[in-house]
Each structure stands twice: as C-alpha cells, then as structure tokens.
Amino acid sequence: MASPEVGRDKSPFMLQPKSLPSTVSKSSKTSSFKAQIMLRFFAAAFTLAAICVMTTSSQSFPLLGFTIKAHYSDSSAMRFLLVTDAIVCAFSVLSVLFVYRLSRSGSDTKYCFYLFLHDMVIMGLATSGCSAATAVGYIGRYGEEKMGWIAVCNHVRKFCNQMTISMVLSYLAFCSYFALSVMSGNKVMYQYESP
C-alpha cells in the first residue's frame, strides 16, 4: 500500500518542472533577444572604435639623423588586426538584422544553429587577429633579448599606447562574441532537447 502513495506524491512533483519553462520562456526569450542585440551592438562599436584608434595612430621620431614614422601599416600583424576588426564589425551589424528577423519569425532550430556557427567563426577570427597583434605588440614594447630585437615603444610611446587601446577594444569585441557563442550554443542545445 505504500507504493501507490509514493506514486501519488511524485506525480505532482514531476508535473511542476514541466510547467515552469512555459511561464519563464516568454521573459527569457525577451531577455535573450535583448542580450543578443546588445552584445552584437557592443562588438560592432568596439571594433569600429578600434579601427578608428588604429588608423589615426602614427608618430615620428629621429634616429641616426633620419626621421622614422611609426604607423600601423608598417606591421603585417596590425594590418591583419585591422582587417579582422572590419570583418567582425560588418558581420556584427548583419547579425543584428538576422537576430531581429529571427525573433520576429519565431526561433527555428536550423537558424539558431546557423547563428551559433556564425558566432563561433567570428569569435575565431577575432581571436586570430588579437593574438597576432598581441605577439607583435609585446615584442615592440619589451623586445626580445635572445634574438637581438630591441623594444621600440620607448621611442614611440604615444603610438604604442594607441595601439594598446586598439587591441584592448578588439579583445572586448572578442569577449562579446565569446558570450554570444555561449548563448547561441545554449539556445541550440535547449531547442534540441525540448520536444
């Protein structure tokens, strides 16, 4: 006789978690949509600011009777960062439009998966640009004694500081896409598990 009572006690408990997602889903969808839009907007704003800081940074200094001008275009890693920032900025703006359309038409698992792939590819691109520029920036600021490379940032401190600001802004865009990738992956996993 004890087993039917246990079964009766469990049945209301088991129905309760199933009813929770339906009440939370509307507010969570709205907050997820707002977070997606905000993070994509932040990524576009950060990369646009990084591009502006990078392209306007230059400094001249005298060396052995010559005037040498430091500019971002002198380094292939900085040019690569500029290109990756431009791509991230453009695709962030396009993805805002896609997310808006997706929220209006209803969330389809296929489109959520495409958004997840988009976020992962853009995050990987942002990572490659930031890491290449960071490696060159580190050598420019601290040098490499074993290889005989001297630090140049003590000659062009203003230029190096502006490039550092540009890289920090690019890293903030990367962080935005990292958060977006986690959110998109979570959404795909939730929709895959839900019947």
N, C-alpha and C. Protein backbone atom coordinates (compact mmCIF):
# COMPACT_ATOMS: atom_id res chain seq x y z
N MET A 1 0.81 -1.20 0.00
CA MET A 1 0.00 0.00 0.00
C MET A 1 0.85 1.26 0.00
N ALA A 2 2.10 1.14 0.41
CA ALA A 2 2.96 2.32 0.49
C ALA A 2 3.37 2.80 -0.90
N SER A 3 3.47 1.88 -1.85
CA SER A 3 3.94 2.28 -3.18
C SER A 3 2.95 3.16 -3.93
N PRO A 4 1.60 2.98 -3.86
CA PRO A 4 0.70 3.91 -4.54
C PRO A 4 0.77 5.31 -3.97
N GLU A 5 0.99 5.43 -2.63
CA GLU A 5 1.08 6.76 -2.03
C GLU A 5 2.32 7.48 -2.53
N VAL A 6 3.40 6.73 -2.65
CA VAL A 6 4.63 7.34 -3.16
C VAL A 6 4.41 7.78 -4.60
N GLY A 7 3.72 6.98 -5.38
CA GLY A 7 3.42 7.35 -6.77
C GLY A 7 2.57 8.60 -6.84
N ARG A 8 1.59 8.73 -5.92
CA ARG A 8 0.75 9.93 -5.92
C ARG A 8 1.54 11.16 -5.52
N ASP A 9 2.47 10.98 -4.56
CA ASP A 9 3.28 12.12 -4.13
C ASP A 9 4.21 12.58 -5.25
N LYS A 10 4.70 11.67 -6.06
CA LYS A 10 5.66 12.03 -7.09
C LYS A 10 5.00 12.68 -8.29
N SER A 11 3.75 12.31 -8.61
CA SER A 11 3.14 12.81 -9.83
C SER A 11 2.99 14.34 -9.85
N PRO A 12 2.56 15.00 -8.77
CA PRO A 12 2.50 16.46 -8.84
C PRO A 12 3.90 17.07 -8.93
N PHE A 13 4.86 16.43 -8.28
CA PHE A 13 6.24 16.93 -8.31
C PHE A 13 6.82 16.85 -9.72
N MET A 14 6.50 15.80 -10.44
CA MET A 14 7.04 15.62 -11.78
C MET A 14 6.37 16.55 -12.79
N LEU A 15 5.15 16.94 -12.56
CA LEU A 15 4.47 17.85 -13.48
C LEU A 15 4.92 19.29 -13.29
N GLN A 16 5.38 19.62 -12.12
CA GLN A 16 5.73 21.00 -11.83
C GLN A 16 6.91 21.51 -12.68
N PRO A 17 8.03 20.79 -12.82
CA PRO A 17 9.12 21.31 -13.64
C PRO A 17 8.72 21.50 -15.09
N LYS A 18 7.80 20.69 -15.61
CA LYS A 18 7.38 20.84 -17.00
C LYS A 18 6.59 22.12 -17.20
N SER A 19 5.89 22.58 -16.18
CA SER A 19 5.11 23.81 -16.33
C SER A 19 5.96 25.05 -16.12
N LEU A 20 7.12 24.94 -15.48
CA LEU A 20 7.97 26.10 -15.24
C LEU A 20 8.52 26.72 -16.52
N PRO A 21 9.08 25.94 -17.48
CA PRO A 21 9.65 26.58 -18.67
C PRO A 21 8.64 27.38 -19.46
N SER A 22 7.37 26.99 -19.49
CA SER A 22 6.40 27.75 -20.27
C SER A 22 6.15 29.12 -19.67
N THR A 23 6.19 29.25 -18.31
CA THR A 23 5.98 30.55 -17.70
C THR A 23 7.23 31.41 -17.81
N VAL A 24 8.40 30.78 -17.77
CA VAL A 24 9.65 31.54 -17.81
C VAL A 24 10.06 31.83 -19.25
N SER A 25 9.58 31.05 -20.21
CA SER A 25 10.08 31.12 -21.57
C SER A 25 9.86 32.48 -22.22
N LYS A 26 8.71 33.13 -21.99
CA LYS A 26 8.47 34.42 -22.63
C LYS A 26 9.43 35.48 -22.14
N SER A 27 9.62 35.55 -20.83
CA SER A 27 10.55 36.54 -20.29
C SER A 27 11.99 36.20 -20.65
N SER A 28 12.32 34.90 -20.66
CA SER A 28 13.69 34.52 -21.01
C SER A 28 13.98 34.76 -22.48
N LYS A 29 12.97 34.57 -23.35
CA LYS A 29 13.16 34.85 -24.78
C LYS A 29 13.39 36.34 -25.00
N THR A 30 12.63 37.17 -24.29
CA THR A 30 12.80 38.61 -24.43
C THR A 30 14.15 39.07 -23.93
N SER A 31 14.56 38.55 -22.76
CA SER A 31 15.86 38.95 -22.23
C SER A 31 16.99 38.39 -23.08
N SER A 32 16.84 37.19 -23.62
CA SER A 32 17.85 36.63 -24.51
C SER A 32 17.98 37.44 -25.79
N PHE A 33 16.84 37.87 -26.32
CA PHE A 33 16.86 38.70 -27.52
C PHE A 33 17.56 40.03 -27.26
N LYS A 34 17.25 40.66 -26.13
CA LYS A 34 17.89 41.94 -25.78
C LYS A 34 19.39 41.77 -25.57
N ALA A 35 19.77 40.69 -24.90
CA ALA A 35 21.20 40.44 -24.67
C ALA A 35 21.93 40.19 -25.98
N GLN A 36 21.31 39.44 -26.89
CA GLN A 36 21.92 39.18 -28.20
C GLN A 36 22.15 40.49 -28.96
N ILE A 37 21.13 41.33 -28.99
CA ILE A 37 21.23 42.60 -29.71
C ILE A 37 22.30 43.49 -29.08
N MET A 38 22.30 43.58 -27.75
CA MET A 38 23.27 44.43 -27.06
C MET A 38 24.70 43.97 -27.29
N LEU A 39 24.94 42.66 -27.16
CA LEU A 39 26.31 42.16 -27.33
C LEU A 39 26.80 42.34 -28.76
N ARG A 40 25.92 42.15 -29.73
CA ARG A 40 26.31 42.36 -31.13
C ARG A 40 26.57 43.85 -31.40
N PHE A 41 25.77 44.69 -30.81
CA PHE A 41 26.00 46.13 -30.94
C PHE A 41 27.32 46.52 -30.29
N PHE A 42 27.59 45.97 -29.10
CA PHE A 42 28.87 46.26 -28.43
C PHE A 42 30.05 45.80 -29.26
N ALA A 43 29.95 44.61 -29.85
CA ALA A 43 31.05 44.09 -30.68
C ALA A 43 31.29 45.00 -31.87
N ALA A 44 30.22 45.47 -32.51
CA ALA A 44 30.37 46.39 -33.65
C ALA A 44 30.97 47.72 -33.20
N ALA A 45 30.52 48.23 -32.06
CA ALA A 45 31.03 49.51 -31.56
C ALA A 45 32.50 49.40 -31.15
N PHE A 46 32.86 48.29 -30.46
CA PHE A 46 34.25 48.11 -30.04
C PHE A 46 35.19 48.01 -31.23
N THR A 47 34.80 47.24 -32.23
CA THR A 47 35.69 47.08 -33.38
C THR A 47 35.77 48.36 -34.21
N LEU A 48 34.67 49.08 -34.32
CA LEU A 48 34.71 50.36 -35.04
C LEU A 48 35.62 51.35 -34.32
N ALA A 49 35.52 51.40 -32.99
CA ALA A 49 36.41 52.28 -32.21
C ALA A 49 37.86 51.84 -32.34
N ALA A 50 38.11 50.52 -32.36
CA ALA A 50 39.47 50.01 -32.52
C ALA A 50 40.05 50.40 -33.87
N ILE A 51 39.23 50.33 -34.91
CA ILE A 51 39.68 50.72 -36.24
C ILE A 51 40.01 52.21 -36.28
N CYS A 52 39.16 53.04 -35.69
CA CYS A 52 39.41 54.48 -35.67
C CYS A 52 40.69 54.83 -34.92
N VAL A 53 40.90 54.20 -33.76
CA VAL A 53 42.12 54.47 -32.98
C VAL A 53 43.35 54.01 -33.74
N MET A 54 43.25 52.83 -34.38
CA MET A 54 44.42 52.29 -35.08
C MET A 54 44.80 53.13 -36.30
N THR A 55 43.82 53.52 -37.09
CA THR A 55 44.13 54.24 -38.32
C THR A 55 44.61 55.67 -38.07
N THR A 56 44.27 56.23 -36.92
CA THR A 56 44.71 57.59 -36.61
C THR A 56 45.99 57.62 -35.79
N SER A 57 46.56 56.47 -35.48
CA SER A 57 47.77 56.44 -34.66
C SER A 57 49.01 56.44 -35.54
N SER A 58 49.85 57.42 -35.34
CA SER A 58 51.15 57.49 -36.00
C SER A 58 52.03 58.44 -35.20
N GLN A 59 53.32 58.20 -35.26
CA GLN A 59 54.26 59.04 -34.53
C GLN A 59 55.61 58.99 -35.22
N SER A 60 56.28 60.13 -35.30
CA SER A 60 57.60 60.22 -35.91
C SER A 60 58.65 60.41 -34.83
N PHE A 61 59.84 59.88 -35.08
CA PHE A 61 60.95 60.06 -34.13
C PHE A 61 62.27 60.05 -34.91
N PRO A 62 63.25 60.83 -34.45
CA PRO A 62 64.55 60.86 -35.13
C PRO A 62 65.44 59.69 -34.70
N LEU A 63 66.15 59.12 -35.66
CA LEU A 63 67.07 58.02 -35.37
C LEU A 63 68.25 58.10 -36.33
N LEU A 64 69.44 58.36 -35.79
CA LEU A 64 70.68 58.45 -36.57
C LEU A 64 70.57 59.46 -37.71
N GLY A 65 69.96 60.60 -37.44
CA GLY A 65 69.83 61.65 -38.44
C GLY A 65 68.66 61.47 -39.38
N PHE A 66 67.92 60.38 -39.27
CA PHE A 66 66.74 60.13 -40.11
C PHE A 66 65.48 60.28 -39.28
N THR A 67 64.40 60.66 -39.94
CA THR A 67 63.09 60.72 -39.28
C THR A 67 62.30 59.48 -39.66
N ILE A 68 61.97 58.70 -38.65
CA ILE A 68 61.24 57.45 -38.87
C ILE A 68 59.82 57.64 -38.35
N LYS A 69 58.86 57.22 -39.16
CA LYS A 69 57.45 57.35 -38.80
C LYS A 69 56.88 55.97 -38.51
N ALA A 70 56.29 55.84 -37.34
CA ALA A 70 55.63 54.58 -36.96
C ALA A 70 54.16 54.67 -37.33
N HIS A 71 53.68 53.69 -38.06
CA HIS A 71 52.28 53.65 -38.49
C HIS A 71 51.82 52.20 -38.46
N TYR A 72 50.52 51.99 -38.28
CA TYR A 72 50.02 50.62 -38.18
C TYR A 72 50.30 49.80 -39.43
N SER A 73 50.35 50.46 -40.60
CA SER A 73 50.54 49.74 -41.86
C SER A 73 51.95 49.18 -42.01
N ASP A 74 52.86 49.57 -41.12
CA ASP A 74 54.22 49.02 -41.17
C ASP A 74 54.28 47.58 -40.69
N SER A 75 53.28 47.15 -39.96
CA SER A 75 53.26 45.79 -39.40
C SER A 75 52.16 44.97 -40.05
N SER A 76 52.53 43.80 -40.54
CA SER A 76 51.52 42.92 -41.16
C SER A 76 50.51 42.42 -40.12
N ALA A 77 50.94 42.25 -38.87
CA ALA A 77 50.03 41.80 -37.82
C ALA A 77 48.98 42.86 -37.50
N MET A 78 49.40 44.13 -37.51
CA MET A 78 48.45 45.21 -37.25
C MET A 78 47.48 45.37 -38.42
N ARG A 79 47.98 45.19 -39.64
CA ARG A 79 47.08 45.24 -40.80
C ARG A 79 46.07 44.09 -40.73
N PHE A 80 46.54 42.92 -40.29
CA PHE A 80 45.64 41.77 -40.15
C PHE A 80 44.58 42.05 -39.08
N LEU A 81 44.98 42.68 -37.99
CA LEU A 81 44.01 43.03 -36.94
C LEU A 81 42.99 44.02 -37.47
N LEU A 82 43.43 44.98 -38.28
CA LEU A 82 42.51 45.95 -38.86
C LEU A 82 41.49 45.26 -39.76
N VAL A 83 41.94 44.31 -40.57
CA VAL A 83 41.03 43.59 -41.47
C VAL A 83 40.05 42.74 -40.67
N THR A 84 40.54 42.04 -39.65
CA THR A 84 39.65 41.21 -38.84
C THR A 84 38.64 42.07 -38.08
N ASP A 85 39.08 43.23 -37.59
CA ASP A 85 38.14 44.12 -36.91
C ASP A 85 37.06 44.61 -37.87
N ALA A 86 37.45 44.92 -39.10
CA ALA A 86 36.47 45.38 -40.10
C ALA A 86 35.45 44.28 -40.41
N ILE A 87 35.93 43.04 -40.53
CA ILE A 87 35.03 41.92 -40.81
C ILE A 87 34.09 41.67 -39.63
N VAL A 88 34.65 41.69 -38.42
CA VAL A 88 33.82 41.48 -37.22
C VAL A 88 32.77 42.58 -37.11
N CYS A 89 33.15 43.82 -37.39
CA CYS A 89 32.20 44.94 -37.32
C CYS A 89 31.07 44.76 -38.34
N ALA A 90 31.44 44.43 -39.57
CA ALA A 90 30.42 44.28 -40.62
C ALA A 90 29.47 43.13 -40.32
N PHE A 91 30.01 41.98 -39.91
CA PHE A 91 29.16 40.83 -39.63
C PHE A 91 28.36 41.00 -38.35
N SER A 92 28.84 41.83 -37.43
CA SER A 92 28.05 42.12 -36.23
C SER A 92 26.79 42.89 -36.59
N VAL A 93 26.94 43.87 -37.48
CA VAL A 93 25.78 44.65 -37.91
C VAL A 93 24.80 43.76 -38.67
N LEU A 94 25.32 42.90 -39.57
CA LEU A 94 24.44 42.00 -40.31
C LEU A 94 23.74 41.00 -39.39
N SER A 95 24.46 40.53 -38.38
CA SER A 95 23.85 39.55 -37.47
C SER A 95 22.79 40.18 -36.59
N VAL A 96 22.89 41.49 -36.31
CA VAL A 96 21.82 42.18 -35.57
C VAL A 96 20.52 42.11 -36.38
N LEU A 97 20.62 42.34 -37.68
CA LEU A 97 19.44 42.26 -38.54
C LEU A 97 18.89 40.84 -38.59
N PHE A 98 19.80 39.85 -38.63
CA PHE A 98 19.37 38.45 -38.68
C PHE A 98 18.68 38.05 -37.38
N VAL A 99 19.24 38.46 -36.24
CA VAL A 99 18.64 38.13 -34.94
C VAL A 99 17.27 38.80 -34.81
N TYR A 100 17.16 40.03 -35.27
CA TYR A 100 15.87 40.72 -35.23
C TYR A 100 14.83 39.98 -36.06
N ARG A 101 15.23 39.56 -37.26
CA ARG A 101 14.30 38.82 -38.12
C ARG A 101 13.96 37.46 -37.50
N LEU A 102 14.94 36.82 -36.90
CA LEU A 102 14.71 35.52 -36.26
C LEU A 102 13.74 35.65 -35.09
N SER A 103 13.84 36.73 -34.35
CA SER A 103 12.93 36.91 -33.21
C SER A 103 11.51 37.21 -33.68
N ARG A 104 11.37 37.85 -34.83
CA ARG A 104 10.04 38.16 -35.35
C ARG A 104 9.36 36.92 -35.94
N SER A 105 10.15 36.09 -36.62
CA SER A 105 9.55 34.94 -37.31
C SER A 105 9.42 33.72 -36.41
N GLY A 106 10.01 33.75 -35.24
CA GLY A 106 9.99 32.58 -34.36
C GLY A 106 11.30 31.83 -34.49
N SER A 107 11.73 31.19 -33.42
CA SER A 107 13.04 30.56 -33.40
C SER A 107 12.97 29.16 -33.99
N ASP A 108 13.64 28.98 -35.09
CA ASP A 108 13.77 27.68 -35.72
C ASP A 108 15.14 27.12 -35.35
N THR A 109 15.21 25.82 -35.06
CA THR A 109 16.47 25.21 -34.63
C THR A 109 17.54 25.34 -35.68
N LYS A 110 17.15 25.23 -36.96
CA LYS A 110 18.13 25.33 -38.04
C LYS A 110 18.77 26.71 -38.06
N TYR A 111 17.97 27.77 -37.92
CA TYR A 111 18.50 29.14 -37.95
C TYR A 111 19.33 29.44 -36.70
N CYS A 112 18.91 28.88 -35.57
CA CYS A 112 19.70 29.06 -34.35
C CYS A 112 21.06 28.39 -34.48
N PHE A 113 21.10 27.25 -35.15
CA PHE A 113 22.37 26.58 -35.37
C PHE A 113 23.27 27.40 -36.31
N TYR A 114 22.69 27.99 -37.35
CA TYR A 114 23.46 28.86 -38.25
C TYR A 114 24.02 30.06 -37.49
N LEU A 115 23.24 30.61 -36.60
CA LEU A 115 23.70 31.73 -35.79
C LEU A 115 24.84 31.31 -34.87
N PHE A 116 24.73 30.11 -34.31
CA PHE A 116 25.80 29.58 -33.48
C PHE A 116 27.09 29.40 -34.28
N LEU A 117 26.98 28.86 -35.50
CA LEU A 117 28.17 28.72 -36.36
C LEU A 117 28.77 30.08 -36.70
N HIS A 118 27.91 31.04 -37.00
CA HIS A 118 28.38 32.40 -37.30
C HIS A 118 29.17 32.97 -36.12
N ASP A 119 28.62 32.85 -34.92
CA ASP A 119 29.28 33.40 -33.74
C ASP A 119 30.62 32.71 -33.48
N MET A 120 30.68 31.40 -33.69
CA MET A 120 31.94 30.68 -33.48
C MET A 120 33.01 31.10 -34.50
N VAL A 121 32.63 31.26 -35.76
CA VAL A 121 33.60 31.65 -36.80
C VAL A 121 34.10 33.07 -36.54
N ILE A 122 33.21 33.98 -36.21
CA ILE A 122 33.61 35.37 -35.95
C ILE A 122 34.48 35.43 -34.69
N MET A 123 34.16 34.64 -33.68
CA MET A 123 34.98 34.61 -32.47
C MET A 123 36.38 34.10 -32.79
N GLY A 124 36.47 33.06 -33.62
CA GLY A 124 37.79 32.54 -34.02
C GLY A 124 38.58 33.55 -34.82
N LEU A 125 37.91 34.28 -35.69
CA LEU A 125 38.58 35.32 -36.47
C LEU A 125 39.09 36.44 -35.56
N ALA A 126 38.27 36.86 -34.61
CA ALA A 126 38.68 37.89 -33.66
C ALA A 126 39.86 37.42 -32.82
N THR A 127 39.85 36.15 -32.43
CA THR A 127 40.95 35.59 -31.65
C THR A 127 42.25 35.64 -32.43
N SER A 128 42.21 35.26 -33.71
CA SER A 128 43.43 35.23 -34.51
C SER A 128 44.01 36.62 -34.70
N GLY A 129 43.14 37.61 -34.96
CA GLY A 129 43.62 38.98 -35.13
C GLY A 129 44.22 39.54 -33.85
N CYS A 130 43.54 39.31 -32.73
CA CYS A 130 44.04 39.81 -31.44
C CYS A 130 45.36 39.15 -31.05
N SER A 131 45.46 37.85 -31.25
CA SER A 131 46.68 37.15 -30.82
C SER A 131 47.88 37.53 -31.69
N ALA A 132 47.68 37.73 -32.99
CA ALA A 132 48.78 38.15 -33.85
C ALA A 132 49.27 39.54 -33.46
N ALA A 133 48.34 40.46 -33.24
CA ALA A 133 48.72 41.82 -32.86
C ALA A 133 49.36 41.85 -31.47
N THR A 134 48.89 41.00 -30.56
CA THR A 134 49.46 40.96 -29.22
C THR A 134 50.90 40.49 -29.24
N ALA A 135 51.20 39.48 -30.06
CA ALA A 135 52.57 38.98 -30.15
C ALA A 135 53.53 40.05 -30.66
N VAL A 136 53.12 40.76 -31.71
CA VAL A 136 53.97 41.82 -32.25
C VAL A 136 54.05 42.99 -31.28
N GLY A 137 52.94 43.32 -30.65
CA GLY A 137 52.93 44.41 -29.68
C GLY A 137 53.82 44.13 -28.48
N TYR A 138 53.85 42.88 -28.05
CA TYR A 138 54.71 42.52 -26.92
C TYR A 138 56.18 42.71 -27.29
N ILE A 139 56.55 42.29 -28.48
CA ILE A 139 57.94 42.47 -28.92
C ILE A 139 58.27 43.95 -29.07
N GLY A 140 57.32 44.73 -29.60
CA GLY A 140 57.55 46.16 -29.75
C GLY A 140 57.70 46.86 -28.41
N ARG A 141 56.98 46.40 -27.39
CA ARG A 141 57.05 47.06 -26.08
C ARG A 141 58.22 46.57 -25.23
N TYR A 142 58.51 45.26 -25.27
CA TYR A 142 59.53 44.71 -24.38
C TYR A 142 60.76 44.19 -25.11
N GLY A 143 60.68 44.00 -26.41
CA GLY A 143 61.81 43.46 -27.16
C GLY A 143 62.00 41.97 -26.91
N GLU A 144 63.04 41.44 -27.51
CA GLU A 144 63.41 40.03 -27.32
C GLU A 144 64.93 39.95 -27.31
N GLU A 145 65.48 39.89 -26.10
CA GLU A 145 66.94 39.98 -25.95
C GLU A 145 67.67 38.83 -26.62
N LYS A 146 67.15 37.62 -26.50
CA LYS A 146 67.85 36.46 -27.06
C LYS A 146 67.97 36.52 -28.57
N MET A 147 67.01 37.18 -29.22
CA MET A 147 67.03 37.27 -30.67
C MET A 147 67.59 38.61 -31.15
N GLY A 148 67.92 39.49 -30.23
CA GLY A 148 68.50 40.78 -30.60
C GLY A 148 67.50 41.81 -31.06
N TRP A 149 66.21 41.60 -30.76
CA TRP A 149 65.19 42.58 -31.14
C TRP A 149 65.01 43.56 -29.99
N ILE A 150 65.18 44.85 -30.30
CA ILE A 150 65.08 45.85 -29.25
C ILE A 150 63.64 46.37 -29.17
N ALA A 151 63.31 46.87 -27.99
CA ALA A 151 61.98 47.47 -27.79
C ALA A 151 61.96 48.85 -28.44
N VAL A 152 60.90 49.14 -29.17
CA VAL A 152 60.79 50.43 -29.84
C VAL A 152 59.77 51.35 -29.18
N CYS A 153 59.02 50.83 -28.23
CA CYS A 153 57.96 51.64 -27.63
C CYS A 153 58.50 52.77 -26.77
N ASN A 154 59.76 52.68 -26.32
CA ASN A 154 60.31 53.82 -25.58
C ASN A 154 60.62 54.98 -26.50
N HIS A 155 60.69 54.75 -27.82
CA HIS A 155 60.87 55.84 -28.80
C HIS A 155 59.53 56.38 -29.29
N VAL A 156 58.54 55.52 -29.41
CA VAL A 156 57.21 55.92 -29.91
C VAL A 156 56.14 55.52 -28.90
N ARG A 157 56.23 56.13 -27.74
CA ARG A 157 55.33 55.76 -26.64
C ARG A 157 53.87 56.06 -26.97
N LYS A 158 53.61 57.22 -27.58
CA LYS A 158 52.22 57.58 -27.90
C LYS A 158 51.62 56.59 -28.89
N PHE A 159 52.39 56.21 -29.90
CA PHE A 159 51.91 55.25 -30.90
C PHE A 159 51.62 53.90 -30.24
N CYS A 160 52.51 53.44 -29.39
CA CYS A 160 52.31 52.15 -28.73
C CYS A 160 51.10 52.17 -27.80
N ASN A 161 50.90 53.30 -27.11
CA ASN A 161 49.73 53.39 -26.22
C ASN A 161 48.43 53.35 -27.02
N GLN A 162 48.42 54.02 -28.18
CA GLN A 162 47.21 53.99 -29.00
C GLN A 162 46.96 52.59 -29.57
N MET A 163 48.03 51.90 -29.94
CA MET A 163 47.87 50.53 -30.44
C MET A 163 47.38 49.60 -29.33
N THR A 164 47.84 49.85 -28.11
CA THR A 164 47.35 49.05 -26.97
C THR A 164 45.86 49.27 -26.74
N ILE A 165 45.43 50.53 -26.83
CA ILE A 165 44.00 50.83 -26.69
C ILE A 165 43.20 50.12 -27.78
N SER A 166 43.72 50.14 -29.01
CA SER A 166 43.03 49.47 -30.11
C SER A 166 42.93 47.97 -29.87
N MET A 167 43.99 47.37 -29.35
CA MET A 167 43.95 45.93 -29.07
C MET A 167 43.00 45.59 -27.93
N VAL A 168 42.95 46.46 -26.91
CA VAL A 168 42.01 46.23 -25.80
C VAL A 168 40.57 46.27 -26.31
N LEU A 169 40.26 47.22 -27.18
CA LEU A 169 38.93 47.30 -27.77
C LEU A 169 38.61 46.05 -28.60
N SER A 170 39.61 45.55 -29.32
CA SER A 170 39.41 44.33 -30.10
C SER A 170 39.18 43.13 -29.19
N TYR A 171 39.88 43.08 -28.07
CA TYR A 171 39.66 42.00 -27.10
C TYR A 171 38.26 42.09 -26.47
N LEU A 172 37.76 43.30 -26.28
CA LEU A 172 36.39 43.44 -25.75
C LEU A 172 35.37 42.92 -26.76
N ALA A 173 35.64 43.15 -28.06
CA ALA A 173 34.76 42.58 -29.08
C ALA A 173 34.84 41.06 -29.07
N PHE A 174 36.04 40.51 -28.86
CA PHE A 174 36.18 39.06 -28.74
C PHE A 174 35.37 38.53 -27.55
N CYS A 175 35.43 39.24 -26.42
CA CYS A 175 34.68 38.81 -25.23
C CYS A 175 33.17 38.83 -25.51
N SER A 176 32.73 39.83 -26.27
CA SER A 176 31.31 39.88 -26.64
C SER A 176 30.92 38.66 -27.45
N TYR A 177 31.78 38.28 -28.40
CA TYR A 177 31.46 37.11 -29.22
C TYR A 177 31.62 35.81 -28.46
N PHE A 178 32.48 35.79 -27.46
CA PHE A 178 32.56 34.60 -26.62
C PHE A 178 31.24 34.40 -25.88
N ALA A 179 30.73 35.49 -25.31
CA ALA A 179 29.43 35.40 -24.62
C ALA A 179 28.32 35.04 -25.59
N LEU A 180 28.35 35.59 -26.80
CA LEU A 180 27.34 35.25 -27.80
C LEU A 180 27.41 33.79 -28.20
N SER A 181 28.62 33.24 -28.32
CA SER A 181 28.77 31.83 -28.68
C SER A 181 28.19 30.93 -27.60
N VAL A 182 28.42 31.29 -26.34
CA VAL A 182 27.86 30.51 -25.24
C VAL A 182 26.33 30.59 -25.27
N MET A 183 25.79 31.79 -25.49
CA MET A 183 24.34 31.95 -25.53
C MET A 183 23.72 31.20 -26.71
N SER A 184 24.36 31.32 -27.89
CA SER A 184 23.82 30.64 -29.07
C SER A 184 23.89 29.12 -28.91
N GLY A 185 25.00 28.62 -28.37
CA GLY A 185 25.13 27.19 -28.13
C GLY A 185 24.12 26.67 -27.14
N ASN A 186 23.87 27.47 -26.10
CA ASN A 186 22.87 27.10 -25.11
C ASN A 186 21.47 27.06 -25.72
N LYS A 187 21.18 28.01 -26.60
CA LYS A 187 19.87 28.05 -27.23
C LYS A 187 19.67 26.86 -28.16
N VAL A 188 20.72 26.52 -28.91
CA VAL A 188 20.62 25.35 -29.80
C VAL A 188 20.43 24.08 -28.99
N MET A 189 21.17 23.95 -27.89
CA MET A 189 21.07 22.75 -27.04
C MET A 189 19.68 22.67 -26.40
N TYR A 190 19.16 23.81 -25.96
CA TYR A 190 17.82 23.81 -25.32
C TYR A 190 16.75 23.44 -26.34
N GLN A 191 16.84 23.98 -27.55
CA GLN A 191 15.82 23.67 -28.56
C GLN A 191 15.95 22.22 -29.03
N TYR A 192 17.17 21.70 -29.03
CA TYR A 192 17.35 20.31 -29.44
C TYR A 192 16.75 19.36 -28.41
N GLU A 193 16.89 19.69 -27.13
CA GLU A 193 16.38 18.83 -26.06
C GLU A 193 14.88 18.96 -25.88
N SER A 194 14.32 20.14 -26.18
CA SER A 194 12.87 20.30 -26.00
C SER A 194 12.10 19.58 -27.10
N PRO A 195 10.94 18.99 -26.79
CA PRO A 195 10.21 18.21 -27.79
C PRO A 195 9.58 19.11 -28.83
